[in-house]
């Protein structure tokens, strides 16, 4: 890669770096039926959107201290407070919320 291209496409993490290197080594093969693969991907995306659709509203009472900490964390993450809270609930229900050690 030349320097300009490297700066424009710096990988954000090791997984992305590995992916970029595998592409450069020509380890990828074209699919036999791209239209069918595209339709399959679009259907999966639609199903994901339908699953994640937020159509229920709740009221939640928090202590002033907890709400303030949520506001700080949301600012640090660059997301709205409601998005942060929704993400925490979703991760907890799916068992992917990892406690601090």
PDB file of N, CA and C in Angstrom:
ATOM      1  N   UNK A   1       0.836  -1.188   0.000  1.00  0.00           N
ATOM      2  CA  UNK A   1       0.000   0.000   0.000  1.00  0.00           C
ATOM      3  C   UNK A   1       0.877   1.246   0.000  1.00  0.00           C
ATOM      4  N   UNK A   2       0.418   2.284  -0.670  1.00  0.00           N
ATOM      5  CA  UNK A   2       1.161   3.527  -0.593  1.00  0.00           C
ATOM      6  C   UNK A   2       0.747   4.294   0.658  1.00  0.00           C
ATOM      7  N   UNK A   3       1.504   5.327   1.001  1.00  0.00           N
ATOM      8  CA  UNK A   3       1.275   6.052   2.245  1.00  0.00           C
ATOM      9  C   UNK A   3      -0.095   6.713   2.298  1.00  0.00           C
ATOM     10  N   UNK A   4      -0.516   7.349   1.200  1.00  0.00           N
ATOM     11  CA  UNK A   4      -1.819   8.012   1.177  1.00  0.00           C
ATOM     12  C   UNK A   4      -2.932   7.006   1.421  1.00  0.00           C
ATOM     13  N   UNK A   5      -2.860   5.873   0.754  1.00  0.00           N
ATOM     14  CA  UNK A   5      -3.895   4.848   0.908  1.00  0.00           C
ATOM     15  C   UNK A   5      -3.902   4.304   2.327  1.00  0.00           C
ATOM     16  N   UNK A   6      -2.724   4.118   2.919  1.00  0.00           N
ATOM     17  CA  UNK A   6      -2.656   3.617   4.290  1.00  0.00           C
ATOM     18  C   UNK A   6      -3.334   4.586   5.248  1.00  0.00           C
ATOM     19  N   UNK A   7      -3.107   5.887   5.057  1.00  0.00           N
ATOM     20  CA  UNK A   7      -3.719   6.873   5.942  1.00  0.00           C
ATOM     21  C   UNK A   7      -5.225   6.909   5.753  1.00  0.00           C
ATOM     22  N   UNK A   8      -5.690   6.711   4.518  1.00  0.00           N
ATOM     23  CA  UNK A   8      -7.121   6.784   4.241  1.00  0.00           C
ATOM     24  C   UNK A   8      -7.861   5.553   4.755  1.00  0.00           C
ATOM     25  N   UNK A   9      -7.182   4.432   4.863  1.00  0.00           N
ATOM     26  CA  UNK A   9      -7.846   3.186   5.245  1.00  0.00           C
ATOM     27  C   UNK A   9      -7.153   2.503   6.417  1.00  0.00           C
ATOM     28  N   UNK A  10      -6.836   3.258   7.438  1.00  0.00           N
ATOM     29  CA  UNK A  10      -6.234   2.658   8.629  1.00  0.00           C
ATOM     30  C   UNK A  10      -7.282   1.795   9.330  1.00  0.00           C
ATOM     31  N   UNK A  11      -6.948   0.539   9.623  1.00  0.00           N
ATOM     32  CA  UNK A  11      -7.919  -0.313  10.322  1.00  0.00           C
ATOM     33  C   UNK A  11      -8.174   0.206  11.732  1.00  0.00           C
ATOM     34  N   UNK A  12      -9.418   0.053  12.163  1.00  0.00           N
ATOM     35  CA  UNK A  12      -9.788   0.538  13.497  1.00  0.00           C
ATOM     36  C   UNK A  12      -9.449  -0.461  14.592  1.00  0.00           C
ATOM     37  N   UNK A  13      -9.300  -1.738  14.236  1.00  0.00           N
ATOM     38  CA  UNK A  13      -8.961  -2.746  15.225  1.00  0.00           C
ATOM     39  C   UNK A  13      -8.260  -3.921  14.530  1.00  0.00           C
ATOM     40  N   UNK A  14      -7.854  -4.904  15.318  1.00  0.00           N
ATOM     41  CA  UNK A  14      -7.114  -6.052  14.776  1.00  0.00           C
ATOM     42  C   UNK A  14      -7.961  -6.858  13.797  1.00  0.00           C
ATOM     43  N   UNK A  15      -9.246  -7.007  14.082  1.00  0.00           N
ATOM     44  CA  UNK A  15     -10.127  -7.763  13.195  1.00  0.00           C
ATOM     45  C   UNK A  15     -10.194  -7.104  11.810  1.00  0.00           C
ATOM     46  N   UNK A  16     -10.328  -5.789  11.787  1.00  0.00           N
ATOM     47  CA  UNK A  16     -10.378  -5.087  10.510  1.00  0.00           C
ATOM     48  C   UNK A  16      -9.029  -5.178   9.797  1.00  0.00           C
ATOM     49  N   UNK A  17      -7.937  -5.112  10.539  1.00  0.00           N
ATOM     50  CA  UNK A  17      -6.600  -5.245   9.943  1.00  0.00           C
ATOM     51  C   UNK A  17      -6.448  -6.621   9.300  1.00  0.00           C
ATOM     52  N   UNK A  18      -6.865  -7.673  10.017  1.00  0.00           N
ATOM     53  CA  UNK A  18      -6.784  -9.031   9.469  1.00  0.00           C
ATOM     54  C   UNK A  18      -7.618  -9.161   8.201  1.00  0.00           C
ATOM     55  N   UNK A  19      -8.804  -8.566   8.203  1.00  0.00           N
ATOM     56  CA  UNK A  19      -9.674  -8.610   7.030  1.00  0.00           C
ATOM     57  C   UNK A  19      -9.008  -7.924   5.842  1.00  0.00           C
ATOM     58  N   UNK A  20      -8.450  -6.734   6.070  1.00  0.00           N
ATOM     59  CA  UNK A  20      -7.790  -6.002   4.985  1.00  0.00           C
ATOM     60  C   UNK A  20      -6.611  -6.799   4.426  1.00  0.00           C
ATOM     61  N   UNK A  21      -5.847  -7.428   5.303  1.00  0.00           N
ATOM     62  CA  UNK A  21      -4.701  -8.219   4.848  1.00  0.00           C
ATOM     63  C   UNK A  21      -5.155  -9.437   4.052  1.00  0.00           C
ATOM     64  N   UNK A  22      -6.256 -10.069   4.468  1.00  0.00           N
ATOM     65  CA  UNK A  22      -6.746 -11.235   3.719  1.00  0.00           C
ATOM     66  C   UNK A  22      -7.228 -10.835   2.335  1.00  0.00           C
ATOM     67  N   UNK A  23      -7.784  -9.626   2.206  1.00  0.00           N
ATOM     68  CA  UNK A  23      -8.207  -9.128   0.889  1.00  0.00           C
ATOM     69  C   UNK A  23      -6.984  -8.888   0.017  1.00  0.00           C
ATOM     70  N   UNK A  24      -5.944  -8.293   0.590  1.00  0.00           N
ATOM     71  CA  UNK A  24      -4.713  -8.035  -0.166  1.00  0.00           C
ATOM     72  C   UNK A  24      -4.044  -9.330  -0.611  1.00  0.00           C
ATOM     73  N   UNK A  25      -4.210 -10.419   0.151  1.00  0.00           N
ATOM     74  CA  UNK A  25      -3.629 -11.719  -0.214  1.00  0.00           C
ATOM     75  C   UNK A  25      -4.538 -12.512  -1.152  1.00  0.00           C
ATOM     76  N   UNK A  26      -5.622 -11.883  -1.604  1.00  0.00           N
ATOM     77  CA  UNK A  26      -6.589 -12.517  -2.533  1.00  0.00           C
ATOM     78  C   UNK A  26      -7.155 -13.818  -1.973  1.00  0.00           C
ATOM     79  N   UNK A  27      -7.493 -13.813  -0.697  1.00  0.00           N
ATOM     80  CA  UNK A  27      -8.054 -15.001  -0.058  1.00  0.00           C
ATOM     81  C   UNK A  27      -9.568 -15.064  -0.189  1.00  0.00           C
ATOM     82  N   UNK A  28     -10.170 -14.104  -0.885  1.00  0.00           N
ATOM     83  CA  UNK A  28     -11.615 -14.051  -1.036  1.00  0.00           C
ATOM     84  C   UNK A  28     -12.005 -14.529  -2.422  1.00  0.00           C
ATOM     85  N   UNK A  29     -13.082 -15.267  -2.509  1.00  0.00           N
ATOM     86  CA  UNK A  29     -13.594 -15.766  -3.780  1.00  0.00           C
ATOM     87  C   UNK A  29     -14.979 -15.164  -4.027  1.00  0.00           C
ATOM     88  N   UNK A  30     -15.304 -14.842  -5.279  1.00  0.00           N
ATOM     89  CA  UNK A  30     -16.648 -14.308  -5.560  1.00  0.00           C
ATOM     90  C   UNK A  30     -17.715 -15.374  -5.319  1.00  0.00           C
ATOM     91  N   UNK A  31     -18.909 -14.942  -4.938  1.00  0.00           N
ATOM     92  CA  UNK A  31     -20.015 -15.869  -4.746  1.00  0.00           C
ATOM     93  C   UNK A  31     -20.563 -16.281  -6.109  1.00  0.00           C
ATOM     94  N   UNK A  32     -21.194 -17.446  -6.153  1.00  0.00           N
ATOM     95  CA  UNK A  32     -21.706 -17.953  -7.424  1.00  0.00           C
ATOM     96  C   UNK A  32     -22.910 -17.160  -7.917  1.00  0.00           C
ATOM     97  N   UNK A  33     -23.793 -16.760  -7.001  1.00  0.00           N
ATOM     98  CA  UNK A  33     -25.001 -16.045  -7.397  1.00  0.00           C
ATOM     99  C   UNK A  33     -25.132 -14.767  -6.563  1.00  0.00           C
ATOM    100  N   UNK A  34     -24.515 -13.659  -7.028  1.00  0.00           N
ATOM    101  CA  UNK A  34     -24.529 -12.438  -6.227  1.00  0.00           C
ATOM    102  C   UNK A  34     -25.929 -11.880  -5.975  1.00  0.00           C
ATOM    103  N   UNK A  35     -26.851 -12.027  -6.940  1.00  0.00           N
ATOM    104  CA  UNK A  35     -28.214 -11.515  -6.738  1.00  0.00           C
ATOM    105  C   UNK A  35     -28.914 -12.243  -5.598  1.00  0.00           C
ATOM    106  N   UNK A  36     -28.741 -13.562  -5.541  1.00  0.00           N
ATOM    107  CA  UNK A  36     -29.346 -14.351  -4.474  1.00  0.00           C
ATOM    108  C   UNK A  36     -28.718 -13.983  -3.122  1.00  0.00           C
ATOM    109  N   UNK A  37     -27.409 -13.796  -3.082  1.00  0.00           N
ATOM    110  CA  UNK A  37     -26.730 -13.412  -1.846  1.00  0.00           C
ATOM    111  C   UNK A  37     -27.188 -12.027  -1.386  1.00  0.00           C
ATOM    112  N   UNK A  38     -27.359 -11.108  -2.333  1.00  0.00           N
ATOM    113  CA  UNK A  38     -27.821  -9.760  -2.013  1.00  0.00           C
ATOM    114  C   UNK A  38     -29.228  -9.809  -1.419  1.00  0.00           C
ATOM    115  N   UNK A  39     -30.121 -10.608  -2.035  1.00  0.00           N
ATOM    116  CA  UNK A  39     -31.487 -10.746  -1.527  1.00  0.00           C
ATOM    117  C   UNK A  39     -31.483 -11.333  -0.117  1.00  0.00           C
ATOM    118  N   UNK A  40     -30.631 -12.324   0.092  1.00  0.00           N
ATOM    119  CA  UNK A  40     -30.528 -12.961   1.406  1.00  0.00           C
ATOM    120  C   UNK A  40     -30.048 -11.938   2.454  1.00  0.00           C
ATOM    121  N   UNK A  41     -29.049 -11.128   2.097  1.00  0.00           N
ATOM    122  CA  UNK A  41     -28.530 -10.120   3.024  1.00  0.00           C
ATOM    123  C   UNK A  41     -29.583  -9.056   3.313  1.00  0.00           C
ATOM    124  N   UNK A  42     -30.327  -8.653   2.279  1.00  0.00           N
ATOM    125  CA  UNK A  42     -31.373  -7.642   2.474  1.00  0.00           C
ATOM    126  C   UNK A  42     -32.473  -8.174   3.388  1.00  0.00           C
ATOM    127  N   UNK A  43     -32.845  -9.422   3.218  1.00  0.00           N
ATOM    128  CA  UNK A  43     -33.875 -10.032   4.069  1.00  0.00           C
ATOM    129  C   UNK A  43     -33.398 -10.106   5.518  1.00  0.00           C
ATOM    130  N   UNK A  44     -32.138 -10.488   5.704  1.00  0.00           N
ATOM    131  CA  UNK A  44     -31.586 -10.547   7.061  1.00  0.00           C
ATOM    132  C   UNK A  44     -31.568  -9.167   7.699  1.00  0.00           C
ATOM    133  N   UNK A  45     -31.209  -8.147   6.917  1.00  0.00           N
ATOM    134  CA  UNK A  45     -31.190  -6.779   7.437  1.00  0.00           C
ATOM    135  C   UNK A  45     -32.600  -6.325   7.812  1.00  0.00           C
ATOM    136  N   UNK A  46     -33.582  -6.631   6.965  1.00  0.00           N
ATOM    137  CA  UNK A  46     -34.972  -6.260   7.260  1.00  0.00           C
ATOM    138  C   UNK A  46     -35.457  -6.939   8.539  1.00  0.00           C
ATOM    139  N   UNK A  47     -35.134  -8.224   8.680  1.00  0.00           N
ATOM    140  CA  UNK A  47     -35.541  -8.954   9.885  1.00  0.00           C
ATOM    141  C   UNK A  47     -34.890  -8.370  11.128  1.00  0.00           C
ATOM    142  N   UNK A  48     -33.642  -7.946  11.009  1.00  0.00           N
ATOM    143  CA  UNK A  48     -32.945  -7.344  12.136  1.00  0.00           C
ATOM    144  C   UNK A  48     -33.605  -6.022  12.512  1.00  0.00           C
ATOM    145  N   UNK A  49     -33.933  -5.220  11.512  1.00  0.00           N
ATOM    146  CA  UNK A  49     -34.594  -3.943  11.793  1.00  0.00           C
ATOM    147  C   UNK A  49     -35.934  -4.155  12.467  1.00  0.00           C
ATOM    148  N   UNK A  50     -36.704  -5.141  12.013  1.00  0.00           N
ATOM    149  CA  UNK A  50     -38.006  -5.418  12.624  1.00  0.00           C
ATOM    150  C   UNK A  50     -37.848  -5.881  14.066  1.00  0.00           C
ATOM    151  N   UNK A  51     -36.807  -6.651  14.336  1.00  0.00           N
ATOM    152  CA  UNK A  51     -36.557  -7.137  15.687  1.00  0.00           C
ATOM    153  C   UNK A  51     -36.153  -5.999  16.612  1.00  0.00           C
ATOM    154  N   UNK A  52     -35.371  -5.063  16.090  1.00  0.00           N
ATOM    155  CA  UNK A  52     -34.857  -3.979  16.919  1.00  0.00           C
ATOM    156  C   UNK A  52     -35.759  -2.751  16.955  1.00  0.00           C
ATOM    157  N   UNK A  53     -36.884  -2.808  16.244  1.00  0.00           N
ATOM    158  CA  UNK A  53     -37.790  -1.673  16.205  1.00  0.00           C
ATOM    159  C   UNK A  53     -38.262  -1.350  17.623  1.00  0.00           C
ATOM    160  N   UNK A  54     -38.131  -0.089  17.976  1.00  0.00           N
ATOM    161  CA  UNK A  54     -38.501   0.337  19.324  1.00  0.00           C
ATOM    162  C   UNK A  54     -39.879   0.964  19.252  1.00  0.00           C
ATOM    163  N   UNK A  55     -40.880   0.208  19.676  1.00  0.00           N
ATOM    164  CA  UNK A  55     -42.247   0.693  19.556  1.00  0.00           C
ATOM    165  C   UNK A  55     -42.976   0.760  20.899  1.00  0.00           C
ATOM    166  N   UNK A  56     -42.279   0.568  21.983  1.00  0.00           N
ATOM    167  CA  UNK A  56     -42.878   0.662  23.310  1.00  0.00           C
ATOM    168  C   UNK A  56     -42.198   1.769  24.100  1.00  0.00           C
ATOM    169  N   UNK A  57     -42.985   2.488  24.835  1.00  0.00           N
ATOM    170  CA  UNK A  57     -42.484   3.603  25.624  1.00  0.00           C
ATOM    171  C   UNK A  57     -42.703   3.278  27.098  1.00  0.00           C
ATOM    172  N   UNK A  58     -41.711   3.593  27.934  1.00  0.00           N
ATOM    173  CA  UNK A  58     -41.855   3.405  29.376  1.00  0.00           C
ATOM    174  C   UNK A  58     -41.421   4.677  30.100  1.00  0.00           C
ATOM    175  N   UNK A  59     -41.882   4.826  31.319  1.00  0.00           N
ATOM    176  CA  UNK A  59     -41.392   5.874  32.208  1.00  0.00           C
ATOM    177  C   UNK A  59     -40.512   5.194  33.242  1.00  0.00           C
ATOM    178  N   UNK A  60     -39.427   5.839  33.588  1.00  0.00           N
ATOM    179  CA  UNK A  60     -38.462   5.237  34.492  1.00  0.00           C
ATOM    180  C   UNK A  60     -38.003   6.289  35.501  1.00  0.00           C
ATOM    181  N   UNK A  61     -38.057   5.957  36.757  1.00  0.00           N
ATOM    182  CA  UNK A  61     -37.580   6.878  37.788  1.00  0.00           C
ATOM    183  C   UNK A  61     -36.187   6.425  38.221  1.00  0.00           C
ATOM    184  N   UNK A  62     -35.260   7.381  38.226  1.00  0.00           N
ATOM    185  CA  UNK A  62     -33.884   7.116  38.640  1.00  0.00           C
ATOM    186  C   UNK A  62     -33.496   8.110  39.718  1.00  0.00           C
ATOM    187  N   UNK A  63     -32.512   7.739  40.517  1.00  0.00           N
ATOM    188  CA  UNK A  63     -31.975   8.704  41.471  1.00  0.00           C
ATOM    189  C   UNK A  63     -31.231   9.786  40.686  1.00  0.00           C
ATOM    190  N   UNK A  64     -31.120  10.952  41.281  1.00  0.00           N
ATOM    191  CA  UNK A  64     -30.409  12.060  40.645  1.00  0.00           C
ATOM    192  C   UNK A  64     -28.977  11.652  40.321  1.00  0.00           C
ATOM    193  N   UNK A  65     -28.343  10.933  41.238  1.00  0.00           N
ATOM    194  CA  UNK A  65     -26.951  10.508  41.051  1.00  0.00           C
ATOM    195  C   UNK A  65     -26.828   9.566  39.851  1.00  0.00           C
ATOM    196  N   UNK A  66     -27.714   8.552  39.761  1.00  0.00           N
ATOM    197  CA  UNK A  66     -27.662   7.618  38.638  1.00  0.00           C
ATOM    198  C   UNK A  66     -27.914   8.327  37.313  1.00  0.00           C
ATOM    199  N   UNK A  67     -28.905   9.236  37.311  1.00  0.00           N
ATOM    200  CA  UNK A  67     -29.215   9.956  36.075  1.00  0.00           C
ATOM    201  C   UNK A  67     -28.026  10.813  35.634  1.00  0.00           C
ATOM    202  N   UNK A  68     -27.375  11.451  36.580  1.00  0.00           N
ATOM    203  CA  UNK A  68     -26.210  12.273  36.262  1.00  0.00           C
ATOM    204  C   UNK A  68     -25.090  11.402  35.677  1.00  0.00           C
ATOM    205  N   UNK A  69     -24.871  10.224  36.263  1.00  0.00           N
ATOM    206  CA  UNK A  69     -23.829   9.326  35.756  1.00  0.00           C
ATOM    207  C   UNK A  69     -24.173   8.826  34.346  1.00  0.00           C
ATOM    208  N   UNK A  70     -25.447   8.585  34.093  1.00  0.00           N
ATOM    209  CA  UNK A  70     -25.873   8.178  32.755  1.00  0.00           C
ATOM    210  C   UNK A  70     -25.613   9.302  31.758  1.00  0.00           C
ATOM    211  N   UNK A  71     -25.916  10.533  32.158  1.00  0.00           N
ATOM    212  CA  UNK A  71     -25.662  11.667  31.267  1.00  0.00           C
ATOM    213  C   UNK A  71     -24.173  11.778  30.927  1.00  0.00           C
ATOM    214  N   UNK A  72     -23.326  11.616  31.912  1.00  0.00           N
ATOM    215  CA  UNK A  72     -21.878  11.690  31.687  1.00  0.00           C
ATOM    216  C   UNK A  72     -21.429  10.573  30.747  1.00  0.00           C
ATOM    217  N   UNK A  73     -21.882   9.354  31.023  1.00  0.00           N
ATOM    218  CA  UNK A  73     -21.487   8.206  30.194  1.00  0.00           C
ATOM    219  C   UNK A  73     -21.977   8.380  28.759  1.00  0.00           C
ATOM    220  N   UNK A  74     -23.204   8.868  28.596  1.00  0.00           N
ATOM    221  CA  UNK A  74     -23.747   9.086  27.256  1.00  0.00           C
ATOM    222  C   UNK A  74     -22.923  10.132  26.503  1.00  0.00           C
ATOM    223  N   UNK A  75     -22.516  11.187  27.186  1.00  0.00           N
ATOM    224  CA  UNK A  75     -21.658  12.193  26.561  1.00  0.00           C
ATOM    225  C   UNK A  75     -20.320  11.582  26.148  1.00  0.00           C
ATOM    226  N   UNK A  76     -19.742  10.766  27.024  1.00  0.00           N
ATOM    227  CA  UNK A  76     -18.464  10.109  26.708  1.00  0.00           C
ATOM    228  C   UNK A  76     -18.599   9.210  25.485  1.00  0.00           C
ATOM    229  N   UNK A  77     -19.733   8.506  25.376  1.00  0.00           N
ATOM    230  CA  UNK A  77     -19.958   7.589  24.262  1.00  0.00           C
ATOM    231  C   UNK A  77     -20.447   8.313  23.009  1.00  0.00           C
ATOM    232  N   UNK A  78     -20.895   9.551  23.174  1.00  0.00           N
ATOM    233  CA  UNK A  78     -21.395  10.316  22.042  1.00  0.00           C
ATOM    234  C   UNK A  78     -22.765   9.868  21.561  1.00  0.00           C
ATOM    235  N   UNK A  79     -23.589   9.398  22.505  1.00  0.00           N
ATOM    236  CA  UNK A  79     -24.930   8.926  22.166  1.00  0.00           C
ATOM    237  C   UNK A  79     -25.947   9.544  23.116  1.00  0.00           C
ATOM    238  N   UNK A  80     -27.223   9.572  22.722  1.00  0.00           N
ATOM    239  CA  UNK A  80     -28.247  10.084  23.632  1.00  0.00           C
ATOM    240  C   UNK A  80     -28.436   9.172  24.857  1.00  0.00           C
ATOM    241  N   UNK A  81     -28.908   9.775  25.951  1.00  0.00           N
ATOM    242  CA  UNK A  81     -29.130   9.012  27.190  1.00  0.00           C
ATOM    243  C   UNK A  81     -30.070   7.828  26.970  1.00  0.00           C
ATOM    244  N   UNK A  82     -31.163   8.058  26.249  1.00  0.00           N
ATOM    245  CA  UNK A  82     -32.130   6.977  26.033  1.00  0.00           C
ATOM    246  C   UNK A  82     -31.511   5.818  25.263  1.00  0.00           C
ATOM    247  N   UNK A  83     -30.640   6.124  24.312  1.00  0.00           N
ATOM    248  CA  UNK A  83     -29.966   5.072  23.551  1.00  0.00           C
ATOM    249  C   UNK A  83     -29.050   4.268  24.457  1.00  0.00           C
ATOM    250  N   UNK A  84     -28.336   4.952  25.337  1.00  0.00           N
ATOM    251  CA  UNK A  84     -27.459   4.263  26.287  1.00  0.00           C
ATOM    252  C   UNK A  84     -28.267   3.346  27.198  1.00  0.00           C
ATOM    253  N   UNK A  85     -29.347   3.858  27.777  1.00  0.00           N
ATOM    254  CA  UNK A  85     -30.177   3.055  28.684  1.00  0.00           C
ATOM    255  C   UNK A  85     -30.772   1.857  27.948  1.00  0.00           C
ATOM    256  N   UNK A  86     -31.284   2.082  26.740  1.00  0.00           N
ATOM    257  CA  UNK A  86     -31.854   0.995  25.948  1.00  0.00           C
ATOM    258  C   UNK A  86     -30.812  -0.076  25.652  1.00  0.00           C
ATOM    259  N   UNK A  87     -29.601   0.354  25.335  1.00  0.00           N
ATOM    260  CA  UNK A  87     -28.520  -0.597  25.062  1.00  0.00           C
ATOM    261  C   UNK A  87     -28.152  -1.419  26.276  1.00  0.00           C
ATOM    262  N   UNK A  88     -28.127  -0.775  27.444  1.00  0.00           N
ATOM    263  CA  UNK A  88     -27.812  -1.487  28.688  1.00  0.00           C
ATOM    264  C   UNK A  88     -28.878  -2.542  28.976  1.00  0.00           C
ATOM    265  N   UNK A  89     -30.142  -2.164  28.833  1.00  0.00           N
ATOM    266  CA  UNK A  89     -31.238  -3.117  29.067  1.00  0.00           C
ATOM    267  C   UNK A  89     -31.134  -4.279  28.079  1.00  0.00           C
ATOM    268  N   UNK A  90     -30.912  -3.963  26.809  1.00  0.00           N
ATOM    269  CA  UNK A  90     -30.819  -5.005  25.778  1.00  0.00           C
ATOM    270  C   UNK A  90     -29.669  -5.971  26.075  1.00  0.00           C
ATOM    271  N   UNK A  91     -28.508  -5.438  26.419  1.00  0.00           N
ATOM    272  CA  UNK A  91     -27.355  -6.299  26.727  1.00  0.00           C
ATOM    273  C   UNK A  91     -27.623  -7.157  27.958  1.00  0.00           C
ATOM    274  N   UNK A  92     -28.256  -6.585  28.969  1.00  0.00           N
ATOM    275  CA  UNK A  92     -28.565  -7.348  30.180  1.00  0.00           C
ATOM    276  C   UNK A  92     -29.499  -8.517  29.857  1.00  0.00           C
ATOM    277  N   UNK A  93     -30.537  -8.255  29.081  1.00  0.00           N
ATOM    278  CA  UNK A  93     -31.510  -9.303  28.761  1.00  0.00           C
ATOM    279  C   UNK A  93     -30.916 -10.404  27.886  1.00  0.00           C
ATOM    280  N   UNK A  94     -29.927 -10.066  27.078  1.00  0.00           N
ATOM    281  CA  UNK A  94     -29.288 -11.068  26.217  1.00  0.00           C
ATOM    282  C   UNK A  94     -28.085 -11.718  26.881  1.00  0.00           C
ATOM    283  N   UNK A  95     -27.782 -11.329  28.117  1.00  0.00           N
ATOM    284  CA  UNK A  95     -26.675 -11.940  28.834  1.00  0.00           C
ATOM    285  C   UNK A  95     -25.304 -11.478  28.367  1.00  0.00           C
ATOM    286  N   UNK A  96     -25.252 -10.374  27.626  1.00  0.00           N
ATOM    287  CA  UNK A  96     -23.949  -9.917  27.136  1.00  0.00           C
ATOM    288  C   UNK A  96     -23.419  -8.712  27.902  1.00  0.00           C
ATOM    289  N   UNK A  97     -24.114  -8.313  28.966  1.00  0.00           N
ATOM    290  CA  UNK A  97     -23.628  -7.223  29.797  1.00  0.00           C
ATOM    291  C   UNK A  97     -22.549  -7.798  30.722  1.00  0.00           C
ATOM    292  N   UNK A  98     -21.345  -7.266  30.589  1.00  0.00           N
ATOM    293  CA  UNK A  98     -20.213  -7.819  31.333  1.00  0.00           C
ATOM    294  C   UNK A  98     -19.954  -6.948  32.563  1.00  0.00           C
ATOM    295  N   UNK A  99     -19.988  -7.553  33.764  1.00  0.00           N
ATOM    296  CA  UNK A  99     -19.740  -6.758  34.969  1.00  0.00           C
ATOM    297  C   UNK A  99     -18.280  -6.333  35.048  1.00  0.00           C
ATOM    298  N   UNK A 100     -18.037  -5.179  35.667  1.00  0.00           N
ATOM    299  CA  UNK A 100     -16.661  -4.715  35.892  1.00  0.00           C
ATOM    300  C   UNK A 100     -15.986  -5.616  36.889  1.00  0.00           C
ATOM    301  N   UNK A 101     -14.687  -5.811  36.682  1.00  0.00           N
ATOM    302  CA  UNK A 101     -13.923  -6.631  37.636  1.00  0.00           C
ATOM    303  C   UNK A 101     -12.930  -5.801  38.392  1.00  0.00           C
TER     304      UNK A 101
END
